[in-house]
Amino acid sequence: MTDAIVALAAWITVVIQLVVLPFFGKVAELFKEYEQSGELALVRARLEEHGVLPPLAALFDKAVEAQEDRRRKIMVRDLLQRVDLFPDVERVVQAASEISRLNNLYGDLRTVAPRVATTGLAHCGATILLVPSCWFILNWTSQTGWWRWPIVGMSAALWGGTFVATTRRYLQYRGIQGHFIACLSKGREVGSDR
């Protein structure tokens, strides 16, 4: 029994150290690292300044150039037939989608981080239930009781389910984090080549 308790304590310590504690305060850490430091706002502003505004300015410049009589109101239908605005519109949409993607990835990070900690805690609880219940059922009950195997099976299924859920959420968080960092790096580079 002491070996089982030592193994139980070691496993719970590992899960708490690697999963629960790092992700428990992750939302506050993300807020400090990206929002409070101004990095996220800087990247958004850079994307707007170098990705959205120049094509919009080009759209208006083309509209003014296409206007034959400056005293008359610009007719949009005539303007669309005479001037090719689609490349500029496409660049505006592309930059706006980058800003939207950055915001969505950041929101996903803030949503998934607490879920990793929660499933890690659930896994710790399942581990605490699994080892003692299996030990008690297998060692202290009569060897002929058929009812003990379904309880052991359910405990093992609960433990395995929480382990898979924790691992899946952890990998999901790392995947989103990789995309977010790539999007952030791409946003930092916008305008630096000019």
N, C-alpha and C. Protein backbone atom coordinates (compact mmCIF):
# COMPACT_ATOMS: atom_id res chain seq x y z
N MET A 1 0.83 -1.19 0.00
CA MET A 1 0.00 0.00 0.00
C MET A 1 0.86 1.25 0.00
N THR A 2 1.99 1.22 0.71
CA THR A 2 2.84 2.41 0.76
C THR A 2 3.41 2.73 -0.61
N ASP A 3 3.72 1.70 -1.41
CA ASP A 3 4.22 1.95 -2.76
C ASP A 3 3.14 2.63 -3.60
N ALA A 4 1.90 2.22 -3.43
CA ALA A 4 0.80 2.82 -4.17
C ALA A 4 0.61 4.28 -3.76
N ILE A 5 0.74 4.56 -2.48
CA ILE A 5 0.58 5.94 -2.00
C ILE A 5 1.73 6.81 -2.51
N VAL A 6 2.93 6.29 -2.51
CA VAL A 6 4.08 7.04 -3.03
C VAL A 6 3.90 7.31 -4.52
N ALA A 7 3.46 6.30 -5.27
CA ALA A 7 3.24 6.48 -6.70
C ALA A 7 2.11 7.48 -6.95
N LEU A 8 1.07 7.41 -6.13
CA LEU A 8 -0.06 8.35 -6.23
C LEU A 8 0.43 9.77 -5.98
N ALA A 9 1.17 9.97 -4.92
CA ALA A 9 1.67 11.31 -4.59
C ALA A 9 2.62 11.83 -5.66
N ALA A 10 3.46 10.96 -6.19
CA ALA A 10 4.40 11.38 -7.24
C ALA A 10 3.65 11.79 -8.51
N TRP A 11 2.67 10.98 -8.91
CA TRP A 11 1.93 11.31 -10.12
C TRP A 11 1.15 12.61 -9.97
N ILE A 12 0.49 12.79 -8.83
CA ILE A 12 -0.27 14.02 -8.60
C ILE A 12 0.66 15.22 -8.57
N THR A 13 1.83 15.07 -7.97
CA THR A 13 2.81 16.16 -7.94
C THR A 13 3.24 16.54 -9.35
N VAL A 14 3.50 15.54 -10.18
CA VAL A 14 3.91 15.80 -11.56
C VAL A 14 2.80 16.53 -12.33
N VAL A 15 1.56 16.06 -12.21
CA VAL A 15 0.45 16.69 -12.92
C VAL A 15 0.24 18.12 -12.44
N ILE A 16 0.31 18.33 -11.14
CA ILE A 16 0.12 19.68 -10.60
C ILE A 16 1.23 20.61 -11.06
N GLN A 17 2.48 20.13 -11.03
CA GLN A 17 3.61 20.97 -11.42
C GLN A 17 3.62 21.27 -12.92
N LEU A 18 3.28 20.30 -13.75
CA LEU A 18 3.39 20.48 -15.20
C LEU A 18 2.13 21.03 -15.86
N VAL A 19 0.97 20.79 -15.27
CA VAL A 19 -0.26 21.18 -15.93
C VAL A 19 -1.06 22.21 -15.14
N VAL A 20 -1.36 21.91 -13.90
CA VAL A 20 -2.29 22.75 -13.15
C VAL A 20 -1.69 24.12 -12.82
N LEU A 21 -0.55 24.14 -12.17
CA LEU A 21 0.02 25.43 -11.76
C LEU A 21 0.40 26.34 -12.92
N PRO A 22 1.05 25.84 -13.97
CA PRO A 22 1.38 26.75 -15.07
C PRO A 22 0.15 27.35 -15.77
N PHE A 23 -0.95 26.62 -15.81
CA PHE A 23 -2.12 27.11 -16.53
C PHE A 23 -3.15 27.75 -15.63
N PHE A 24 -2.98 27.64 -14.32
CA PHE A 24 -3.98 28.20 -13.41
C PHE A 24 -4.02 29.72 -13.51
N GLY A 25 -2.88 30.37 -13.60
CA GLY A 25 -2.84 31.82 -13.71
C GLY A 25 -2.48 32.30 -15.11
N LYS A 26 -2.70 31.45 -16.10
CA LYS A 26 -2.27 31.76 -17.47
C LYS A 26 -3.02 32.94 -18.07
N VAL A 27 -4.30 33.11 -17.75
CA VAL A 27 -5.07 34.21 -18.31
C VAL A 27 -4.50 35.54 -17.84
N ALA A 28 -4.17 35.64 -16.56
CA ALA A 28 -3.57 36.87 -16.06
C ALA A 28 -2.19 37.09 -16.67
N GLU A 29 -1.45 36.01 -16.85
CA GLU A 29 -0.12 36.10 -17.46
C GLU A 29 -0.22 36.56 -18.91
N LEU A 30 -1.19 36.03 -19.65
CA LEU A 30 -1.40 36.46 -21.03
C LEU A 30 -1.77 37.93 -21.09
N PHE A 31 -2.63 38.37 -20.16
CA PHE A 31 -3.04 39.76 -20.11
C PHE A 31 -1.83 40.67 -19.89
N LYS A 32 -0.98 40.30 -18.93
CA LYS A 32 0.22 41.10 -18.65
C LYS A 32 1.18 41.11 -19.84
N GLU A 33 1.39 39.93 -20.42
CA GLU A 33 2.40 39.80 -21.46
C GLU A 33 2.01 40.50 -22.76
N TYR A 34 0.73 40.44 -23.12
CA TYR A 34 0.34 40.95 -24.43
C TYR A 34 -0.49 42.23 -24.37
N GLU A 35 -1.41 42.34 -23.43
CA GLU A 35 -2.27 43.53 -23.40
C GLU A 35 -1.67 44.66 -22.56
N GLN A 36 -1.29 44.36 -21.34
CA GLN A 36 -0.77 45.39 -20.47
C GLN A 36 0.54 45.97 -20.98
N SER A 37 1.35 45.13 -21.61
CA SER A 37 2.61 45.62 -22.14
C SER A 37 2.40 46.45 -23.40
N GLY A 38 1.23 46.35 -24.01
CA GLY A 38 0.92 47.12 -25.21
C GLY A 38 1.35 46.44 -26.49
N GLU A 39 1.89 45.24 -26.40
CA GLU A 39 2.38 44.55 -27.59
C GLU A 39 1.25 44.21 -28.56
N LEU A 40 0.14 43.73 -28.03
CA LEU A 40 -0.99 43.38 -28.88
C LEU A 40 -1.56 44.63 -29.56
N ALA A 41 -1.69 45.71 -28.82
CA ALA A 41 -2.19 46.97 -29.40
C ALA A 41 -1.22 47.51 -30.45
N LEU A 42 0.07 47.35 -30.20
CA LEU A 42 1.08 47.82 -31.15
C LEU A 42 0.98 47.04 -32.47
N VAL A 43 0.82 45.75 -32.38
CA VAL A 43 0.72 44.93 -33.59
C VAL A 43 -0.58 45.25 -34.34
N ARG A 44 -1.67 45.43 -33.59
CA ARG A 44 -2.94 45.81 -34.25
C ARG A 44 -2.79 47.16 -34.96
N ALA A 45 -2.18 48.11 -34.28
CA ALA A 45 -1.99 49.44 -34.88
C ALA A 45 -1.08 49.36 -36.11
N ARG A 46 -0.07 48.55 -36.03
CA ARG A 46 0.85 48.38 -37.16
C ARG A 46 0.12 47.76 -38.36
N LEU A 47 -0.72 46.76 -38.09
CA LEU A 47 -1.49 46.15 -39.16
C LEU A 47 -2.47 47.16 -39.78
N GLU A 48 -3.08 47.98 -38.94
CA GLU A 48 -4.00 48.99 -39.46
C GLU A 48 -3.24 50.06 -40.26
N GLU A 49 -2.14 50.51 -39.70
CA GLU A 49 -1.38 51.59 -40.33
C GLU A 49 -0.77 51.17 -41.67
N HIS A 50 -0.22 49.99 -41.73
CA HIS A 50 0.48 49.57 -42.94
C HIS A 50 -0.32 48.60 -43.80
N GLY A 51 -1.40 48.04 -43.26
CA GLY A 51 -2.16 47.08 -44.04
C GLY A 51 -3.51 47.59 -44.49
N VAL A 52 -4.18 48.41 -43.66
CA VAL A 52 -5.52 48.86 -43.99
C VAL A 52 -5.51 50.27 -44.59
N LEU A 53 -4.79 51.18 -43.97
CA LEU A 53 -4.86 52.58 -44.39
C LEU A 53 -4.28 52.87 -45.78
N PRO A 54 -3.11 52.34 -46.17
CA PRO A 54 -2.62 52.64 -47.52
C PRO A 54 -3.56 52.19 -48.65
N PRO A 55 -4.13 50.97 -48.59
CA PRO A 55 -5.07 50.62 -49.65
C PRO A 55 -6.34 51.47 -49.64
N LEU A 56 -6.81 51.85 -48.44
CA LEU A 56 -7.98 52.72 -48.37
C LEU A 56 -7.67 54.08 -48.98
N ALA A 57 -6.49 54.61 -48.66
CA ALA A 57 -6.08 55.89 -49.24
C ALA A 57 -5.97 55.78 -50.76
N ALA A 58 -5.46 54.65 -51.24
CA ALA A 58 -5.37 54.44 -52.69
C ALA A 58 -6.75 54.38 -53.33
N LEU A 59 -7.71 53.79 -52.63
CA LEU A 59 -9.09 53.75 -53.14
C LEU A 59 -9.63 55.17 -53.33
N PHE A 60 -9.47 56.00 -52.31
CA PHE A 60 -9.98 57.36 -52.40
C PHE A 60 -9.21 58.19 -53.43
N ASP A 61 -7.92 57.97 -53.53
CA ASP A 61 -7.14 58.67 -54.56
C ASP A 61 -7.62 58.32 -55.96
N LYS A 62 -7.88 57.04 -56.19
CA LYS A 62 -8.38 56.61 -57.49
C LYS A 62 -9.75 57.21 -57.78
N ALA A 63 -10.58 57.29 -56.75
CA ALA A 63 -11.91 57.88 -56.93
C ALA A 63 -11.82 59.36 -57.29
N VAL A 64 -10.92 60.08 -56.63
CA VAL A 64 -10.76 61.51 -56.93
C VAL A 64 -10.18 61.69 -58.33
N GLU A 65 -9.21 60.87 -58.71
CA GLU A 65 -8.61 60.97 -60.04
C GLU A 65 -9.61 60.64 -61.14
N ALA A 66 -10.52 59.72 -60.87
CA ALA A 66 -11.49 59.31 -61.88
C ALA A 66 -12.61 60.33 -62.06
N GLN A 67 -12.73 61.21 -61.14
CA GLN A 67 -13.81 62.21 -61.21
C GLN A 67 -13.47 63.24 -62.30
N GLU A 68 -14.33 63.33 -63.28
CA GLU A 68 -14.08 64.25 -64.39
C GLU A 68 -14.42 65.68 -64.01
N ASP A 69 -15.57 65.87 -63.46
CA ASP A 69 -16.00 67.20 -63.06
C ASP A 69 -15.99 67.26 -61.54
N ARG A 70 -15.11 68.05 -61.00
CA ARG A 70 -14.93 68.09 -59.54
C ARG A 70 -16.13 68.73 -58.83
N ARG A 71 -16.96 69.41 -59.57
CA ARG A 71 -18.11 70.07 -58.94
C ARG A 71 -19.27 69.11 -58.76
N ARG A 72 -19.25 68.02 -59.50
CA ARG A 72 -20.35 67.06 -59.43
C ARG A 72 -20.04 65.96 -58.41
N LYS A 73 -21.08 65.38 -57.93
CA LYS A 73 -20.96 64.27 -56.99
C LYS A 73 -20.47 63.04 -57.75
N ILE A 74 -19.63 62.25 -57.10
CA ILE A 74 -19.11 61.03 -57.72
C ILE A 74 -20.21 59.98 -57.74
N MET A 75 -20.45 59.42 -58.90
CA MET A 75 -21.42 58.35 -59.04
C MET A 75 -20.65 57.02 -58.88
N VAL A 76 -21.02 56.27 -57.88
CA VAL A 76 -20.29 55.05 -57.54
C VAL A 76 -20.35 54.04 -58.68
N ARG A 77 -21.48 53.91 -59.34
CA ARG A 77 -21.62 52.96 -60.44
C ARG A 77 -20.64 53.30 -61.57
N ASP A 78 -20.54 54.56 -61.92
CA ASP A 78 -19.61 54.98 -62.96
C ASP A 78 -18.17 54.75 -62.52
N LEU A 79 -17.91 55.05 -61.27
CA LEU A 79 -16.56 54.87 -60.73
C LEU A 79 -16.14 53.40 -60.80
N LEU A 80 -17.03 52.51 -60.41
CA LEU A 80 -16.70 51.08 -60.44
C LEU A 80 -16.48 50.56 -61.85
N GLN A 81 -17.12 51.17 -62.82
CA GLN A 81 -16.92 50.73 -64.21
C GLN A 81 -15.62 51.27 -64.79
N ARG A 82 -15.14 52.40 -64.33
CA ARG A 82 -13.95 53.01 -64.92
C ARG A 82 -12.66 52.66 -64.19
N VAL A 83 -12.74 52.39 -62.90
CA VAL A 83 -11.53 52.20 -62.10
C VAL A 83 -11.52 50.79 -61.51
N ASP A 84 -10.33 50.16 -61.53
CA ASP A 84 -10.16 48.84 -60.94
C ASP A 84 -9.80 48.99 -59.46
N LEU A 85 -10.81 48.81 -58.62
CA LEU A 85 -10.62 48.99 -57.18
C LEU A 85 -10.37 47.67 -56.44
N PHE A 86 -10.54 46.56 -57.13
CA PHE A 86 -10.50 45.27 -56.45
C PHE A 86 -9.15 44.92 -55.82
N PRO A 87 -8.01 45.24 -56.41
CA PRO A 87 -6.75 44.93 -55.72
C PRO A 87 -6.63 45.66 -54.37
N ASP A 88 -7.08 46.92 -54.33
CA ASP A 88 -7.01 47.66 -53.07
C ASP A 88 -8.00 47.12 -52.06
N VAL A 89 -9.19 46.78 -52.52
CA VAL A 89 -10.19 46.20 -51.62
C VAL A 89 -9.69 44.87 -51.07
N GLU A 90 -9.06 44.09 -51.92
CA GLU A 90 -8.51 42.80 -51.49
C GLU A 90 -7.44 42.98 -50.42
N ARG A 91 -6.58 43.98 -50.57
CA ARG A 91 -5.55 44.24 -49.56
C ARG A 91 -6.16 44.70 -48.24
N VAL A 92 -7.23 45.50 -48.30
CA VAL A 92 -7.92 45.94 -47.07
C VAL A 92 -8.54 44.74 -46.36
N VAL A 93 -9.20 43.90 -47.13
CA VAL A 93 -9.84 42.71 -46.54
C VAL A 93 -8.80 41.78 -45.94
N GLN A 94 -7.68 41.62 -46.61
CA GLN A 94 -6.62 40.75 -46.12
C GLN A 94 -6.06 41.28 -44.79
N ALA A 95 -5.80 42.57 -44.72
CA ALA A 95 -5.28 43.15 -43.47
C ALA A 95 -6.32 43.07 -42.35
N ALA A 96 -7.58 43.32 -42.68
CA ALA A 96 -8.63 43.23 -41.67
C ALA A 96 -8.79 41.80 -41.17
N SER A 97 -8.62 40.83 -42.06
CA SER A 97 -8.72 39.43 -41.62
C SER A 97 -7.54 39.04 -40.74
N GLU A 98 -6.36 39.61 -40.97
CA GLU A 98 -5.22 39.36 -40.09
C GLU A 98 -5.48 39.90 -38.69
N ILE A 99 -6.05 41.10 -38.61
CA ILE A 99 -6.39 41.68 -37.30
C ILE A 99 -7.44 40.81 -36.61
N SER A 100 -8.44 40.39 -37.36
CA SER A 100 -9.49 39.54 -36.79
C SER A 100 -8.91 38.20 -36.33
N ARG A 101 -8.02 37.62 -37.11
CA ARG A 101 -7.40 36.34 -36.75
C ARG A 101 -6.58 36.49 -35.47
N LEU A 102 -5.83 37.58 -35.36
CA LEU A 102 -5.03 37.84 -34.16
C LEU A 102 -5.94 37.94 -32.94
N ASN A 103 -7.03 38.68 -33.06
CA ASN A 103 -7.97 38.83 -31.94
C ASN A 103 -8.61 37.49 -31.57
N ASN A 104 -8.99 36.71 -32.59
CA ASN A 104 -9.61 35.40 -32.32
C ASN A 104 -8.65 34.44 -31.64
N LEU A 105 -7.40 34.40 -32.10
CA LEU A 105 -6.42 33.51 -31.49
C LEU A 105 -6.14 33.90 -30.04
N TYR A 106 -6.06 35.20 -29.78
CA TYR A 106 -5.84 35.66 -28.40
C TYR A 106 -7.02 35.28 -27.51
N GLY A 107 -8.22 35.44 -28.03
CA GLY A 107 -9.42 35.03 -27.28
C GLY A 107 -9.44 33.53 -27.02
N ASP A 108 -9.03 32.75 -28.02
CA ASP A 108 -8.97 31.30 -27.85
C ASP A 108 -7.95 30.90 -26.78
N LEU A 109 -6.81 31.58 -26.77
CA LEU A 109 -5.80 31.30 -25.72
C LEU A 109 -6.38 31.57 -24.34
N ARG A 110 -7.08 32.68 -24.21
CA ARG A 110 -7.66 33.05 -22.91
C ARG A 110 -8.78 32.08 -22.51
N THR A 111 -9.41 31.45 -23.47
CA THR A 111 -10.48 30.50 -23.17
C THR A 111 -9.94 29.12 -22.83
N VAL A 112 -8.93 28.66 -23.56
CA VAL A 112 -8.43 27.30 -23.39
C VAL A 112 -7.55 27.15 -22.15
N ALA A 113 -6.80 28.18 -21.77
CA ALA A 113 -5.87 28.08 -20.63
C ALA A 113 -6.56 27.63 -19.34
N PRO A 114 -7.67 28.23 -18.94
CA PRO A 114 -8.32 27.73 -17.71
C PRO A 114 -8.87 26.31 -17.85
N ARG A 115 -9.23 25.93 -19.06
CA ARG A 115 -9.73 24.57 -19.27
C ARG A 115 -8.63 23.54 -19.07
N VAL A 116 -7.40 23.89 -19.45
CA VAL A 116 -6.29 22.97 -19.22
C VAL A 116 -6.11 22.76 -17.72
N ALA A 117 -6.14 23.85 -16.95
CA ALA A 117 -5.99 23.74 -15.49
C ALA A 117 -7.14 22.94 -14.88
N THR A 118 -8.35 23.16 -15.36
CA THR A 118 -9.52 22.46 -14.82
C THR A 118 -9.45 20.96 -15.09
N THR A 119 -9.11 20.59 -16.32
CA THR A 119 -9.02 19.15 -16.61
C THR A 119 -7.83 18.53 -15.88
N GLY A 120 -6.77 19.30 -15.66
CA GLY A 120 -5.64 18.79 -14.86
C GLY A 120 -6.07 18.51 -13.43
N LEU A 121 -6.87 19.42 -12.85
CA LEU A 121 -7.38 19.18 -11.50
C LEU A 121 -8.33 17.99 -11.46
N ALA A 122 -9.15 17.85 -12.48
CA ALA A 122 -10.05 16.69 -12.55
C ALA A 122 -9.23 15.40 -12.64
N HIS A 123 -8.14 15.44 -13.37
CA HIS A 123 -7.28 14.25 -13.48
C HIS A 123 -6.64 13.93 -12.12
N CYS A 124 -6.24 14.95 -11.38
CA CYS A 124 -5.70 14.71 -10.03
C CYS A 124 -6.75 14.06 -9.15
N GLY A 125 -7.99 14.55 -9.24
CA GLY A 125 -9.08 13.95 -8.48
C GLY A 125 -9.33 12.51 -8.88
N ALA A 126 -9.30 12.23 -10.18
CA ALA A 126 -9.50 10.86 -10.66
C ALA A 126 -8.37 9.96 -10.21
N THR A 127 -7.15 10.49 -10.16
CA THR A 127 -6.02 9.70 -9.69
C THR A 127 -6.19 9.37 -8.21
N ILE A 128 -6.63 10.36 -7.45
CA ILE A 128 -6.85 10.12 -6.01
C ILE A 128 -7.94 9.06 -5.81
N LEU A 129 -8.95 9.05 -6.66
CA LEU A 129 -10.00 8.04 -6.56
C LEU A 129 -9.56 6.67 -7.04
N LEU A 130 -8.76 6.64 -8.09
CA LEU A 130 -8.40 5.37 -8.73
C LEU A 130 -7.56 4.47 -7.84
N VAL A 131 -6.45 4.98 -7.36
CA VAL A 131 -5.50 4.12 -6.65
C VAL A 131 -6.08 3.53 -5.37
N PRO A 132 -6.62 4.36 -4.46
CA PRO A 132 -7.15 3.74 -3.22
C PRO A 132 -8.36 2.84 -3.47
N SER A 133 -9.25 3.24 -4.39
CA SER A 133 -10.44 2.41 -4.61
C SER A 133 -10.04 1.06 -5.21
N CYS A 134 -9.12 1.08 -6.15
CA CYS A 134 -8.67 -0.19 -6.75
C CYS A 134 -7.95 -1.05 -5.71
N TRP A 135 -7.11 -0.43 -4.91
CA TRP A 135 -6.38 -1.19 -3.91
C TRP A 135 -7.35 -1.82 -2.90
N PHE A 136 -8.32 -1.01 -2.45
CA PHE A 136 -9.29 -1.51 -1.48
C PHE A 136 -10.14 -2.63 -2.09
N ILE A 137 -10.63 -2.40 -3.28
CA ILE A 137 -11.51 -3.39 -3.90
C ILE A 137 -10.77 -4.69 -4.19
N LEU A 138 -9.54 -4.59 -4.66
CA LEU A 138 -8.82 -5.80 -5.04
C LEU A 138 -8.22 -6.54 -3.84
N ASN A 139 -7.91 -5.83 -2.76
CA ASN A 139 -7.23 -6.48 -1.63
C ASN A 139 -8.13 -6.76 -0.43
N TRP A 140 -9.15 -5.98 -0.19
CA TRP A 140 -9.91 -6.12 1.03
C TRP A 140 -11.26 -6.79 0.85
N THR A 141 -11.67 -6.95 -0.36
CA THR A 141 -12.97 -7.59 -0.56
C THR A 141 -12.76 -9.07 -0.88
N SER A 142 -13.83 -9.80 -0.85
CA SER A 142 -13.72 -11.22 -1.14
C SER A 142 -13.28 -11.41 -2.59
N GLN A 143 -12.52 -12.41 -2.81
CA GLN A 143 -11.97 -12.67 -4.15
C GLN A 143 -13.05 -13.15 -5.12
N THR A 144 -14.21 -13.49 -4.65
CA THR A 144 -15.25 -14.02 -5.53
C THR A 144 -16.26 -12.96 -5.94
N GLY A 145 -16.16 -11.77 -5.45
CA GLY A 145 -17.15 -10.72 -5.76
C GLY A 145 -17.01 -10.21 -7.19
N TRP A 146 -18.05 -10.43 -8.00
CA TRP A 146 -18.03 -9.99 -9.40
C TRP A 146 -18.18 -8.48 -9.51
N TRP A 147 -18.78 -7.84 -8.52
CA TRP A 147 -19.10 -6.41 -8.55
C TRP A 147 -17.87 -5.52 -8.51
N ARG A 148 -16.73 -6.06 -8.09
CA ARG A 148 -15.54 -5.21 -7.96
C ARG A 148 -14.93 -4.85 -9.31
N TRP A 149 -15.07 -5.71 -10.31
CA TRP A 149 -14.45 -5.42 -11.60
C TRP A 149 -15.09 -4.25 -12.33
N PRO A 150 -16.42 -4.10 -12.31
CA PRO A 150 -17.00 -2.89 -12.94
C PRO A 150 -16.55 -1.60 -12.24
N ILE A 151 -16.39 -1.64 -10.93
CA ILE A 151 -15.94 -0.43 -10.21
C ILE A 151 -14.50 -0.11 -10.58
N VAL A 152 -13.66 -1.12 -10.64
CA VAL A 152 -12.28 -0.91 -11.07
C VAL A 152 -12.25 -0.39 -12.51
N GLY A 153 -13.09 -0.96 -13.37
CA GLY A 153 -13.15 -0.53 -14.77
C GLY A 153 -13.62 0.91 -14.90
N MET A 154 -14.64 1.29 -14.11
CA MET A 154 -15.13 2.67 -14.17
C MET A 154 -14.08 3.64 -13.64
N SER A 155 -13.39 3.25 -12.58
CA SER A 155 -12.33 4.11 -12.04
C SER A 155 -11.21 4.29 -13.06
N ALA A 156 -10.82 3.21 -13.70
CA ALA A 156 -9.77 3.28 -14.72
C ALA A 156 -10.22 4.10 -15.92
N ALA A 157 -11.50 3.95 -16.32
CA ALA A 157 -12.02 4.73 -17.44
C ALA A 157 -12.07 6.22 -17.10
N LEU A 158 -12.46 6.53 -15.87
CA LEU A 158 -12.46 7.93 -15.43
C LEU A 158 -11.05 8.49 -15.45
N TRP A 159 -10.10 7.75 -14.94
CA TRP A 159 -8.71 8.20 -14.94
C TRP A 159 -8.20 8.38 -16.37
N GLY A 160 -8.44 7.40 -17.22
CA GLY A 160 -7.99 7.49 -18.61
C GLY A 160 -8.67 8.63 -19.36
N GLY A 161 -9.96 8.82 -19.10
CA GLY A 161 -10.68 9.92 -19.75
C GLY A 161 -10.15 11.29 -19.37
N THR A 162 -9.87 11.46 -18.08
CA THR A 162 -9.34 12.76 -17.65
C THR A 162 -7.91 12.95 -18.15
N PHE A 163 -7.16 11.86 -18.25
CA PHE A 163 -5.80 11.97 -18.78
C PHE A 163 -5.83 12.38 -20.25
N VAL A 164 -6.70 11.75 -21.02
CA VAL A 164 -6.83 12.08 -22.45
C VAL A 164 -7.34 13.52 -22.61
N ALA A 165 -8.32 13.91 -21.81
CA ALA A 165 -8.86 15.27 -21.91
C ALA A 165 -7.80 16.31 -21.57
N THR A 166 -7.02 16.05 -20.53
CA THR A 166 -5.96 16.99 -20.15
C THR A 166 -4.91 17.08 -21.24
N THR A 167 -4.50 15.95 -21.76
CA THR A 167 -3.49 15.94 -22.83
C THR A 167 -4.02 16.65 -24.07
N ARG A 168 -5.26 16.39 -24.43
CA ARG A 168 -5.87 17.03 -25.61
C ARG A 168 -5.95 18.54 -25.45
N ARG A 169 -6.39 19.00 -24.29
CA ARG A 169 -6.48 20.45 -24.06
C ARG A 169 -5.10 21.10 -24.04
N TYR A 170 -4.13 20.41 -23.46
CA TYR A 170 -2.77 20.93 -23.42
C TYR A 170 -2.23 21.09 -24.85
N LEU A 171 -2.41 20.07 -25.67
CA LEU A 171 -1.94 20.14 -27.06
C LEU A 171 -2.72 21.19 -27.85
N GLN A 172 -4.00 21.33 -27.57
CA GLN A 172 -4.80 22.36 -28.21
C GLN A 172 -4.27 23.75 -27.86
N TYR A 173 -3.95 23.96 -26.59
CA TYR A 173 -3.41 25.25 -26.17
C TYR A 173 -2.08 25.53 -26.87
N ARG A 174 -1.20 24.54 -26.92
CA ARG A 174 0.10 24.73 -27.57
C ARG A 174 -0.06 25.03 -29.06
N GLY A 175 -1.01 24.39 -29.72
CA GLY A 175 -1.26 24.66 -31.13
C GLY A 175 -1.75 26.07 -31.36
N ILE A 176 -2.71 26.51 -30.55
CA ILE A 176 -3.22 27.88 -30.67
C ILE A 176 -2.12 28.87 -30.36
N GLN A 177 -1.30 28.58 -29.35
CA GLN A 177 -0.21 29.47 -28.99
C GLN A 177 0.79 29.61 -30.14
N GLY A 178 1.09 28.51 -30.82
CA GLY A 178 2.00 28.57 -31.96
C GLY A 178 1.45 29.44 -33.08
N HIS A 179 0.16 29.29 -33.38
CA HIS A 179 -0.46 30.13 -34.42
C HIS A 179 -0.49 31.59 -34.00
N PHE A 180 -0.79 31.84 -32.72
CA PHE A 180 -0.85 33.21 -32.21
C PHE A 180 0.51 33.89 -32.30
N ILE A 181 1.55 33.19 -31.89
CA ILE A 181 2.91 33.76 -31.93
C ILE A 181 3.33 34.02 -33.37
N ALA A 182 2.98 33.11 -34.29
CA ALA A 182 3.30 33.32 -35.70
C ALA A 182 2.56 34.53 -36.26
N CYS A 183 1.30 34.67 -35.90
CA CYS A 183 0.50 35.81 -36.35
C CYS A 183 1.04 37.11 -35.75
N LEU A 184 1.45 37.07 -34.50
CA LEU A 184 2.03 38.24 -33.84
C LEU A 184 3.35 38.63 -34.50
N SER A 185 4.17 37.65 -34.82
CA SER A 185 5.45 37.93 -35.49
C SER A 185 5.22 38.52 -36.87
N LYS A 186 4.26 37.97 -37.58
CA LYS A 186 3.93 38.49 -38.91
C LYS A 186 3.43 39.93 -38.80
N GLY A 187 2.63 40.22 -37.78
CA GLY A 187 2.15 41.58 -37.57
C GLY A 187 3.25 42.55 -37.20
N ARG A 188 4.24 42.07 -36.46
CA ARG A 188 5.37 42.94 -36.10
C ARG A 188 6.20 43.31 -37.34
N GLU A 189 6.27 42.40 -38.30
CA GLU A 189 7.09 42.62 -39.48
C GLU A 189 6.41 43.54 -40.51
N VAL A 190 5.09 43.70 -40.39
CA VAL A 190 4.36 44.55 -41.35
C VAL A 190 4.87 45.98 -41.21
N GLY A 191 5.24 46.55 -42.32
CA GLY A 191 5.70 47.93 -42.32
C GLY A 191 7.16 48.12 -42.04
N SER A 192 7.85 47.08 -41.54
CA SER A 192 9.26 47.23 -41.23
C SER A 192 10.12 47.14 -42.49
N ASP A 193 9.55 46.61 -43.57
CA ASP A 193 10.30 46.49 -44.82
C ASP A 193 10.21 47.75 -45.68
N ARG A 194 9.47 48.74 -45.23
CA ARG A 194 9.31 49.96 -46.04
C ARG A 194 10.26 51.02 -45.63
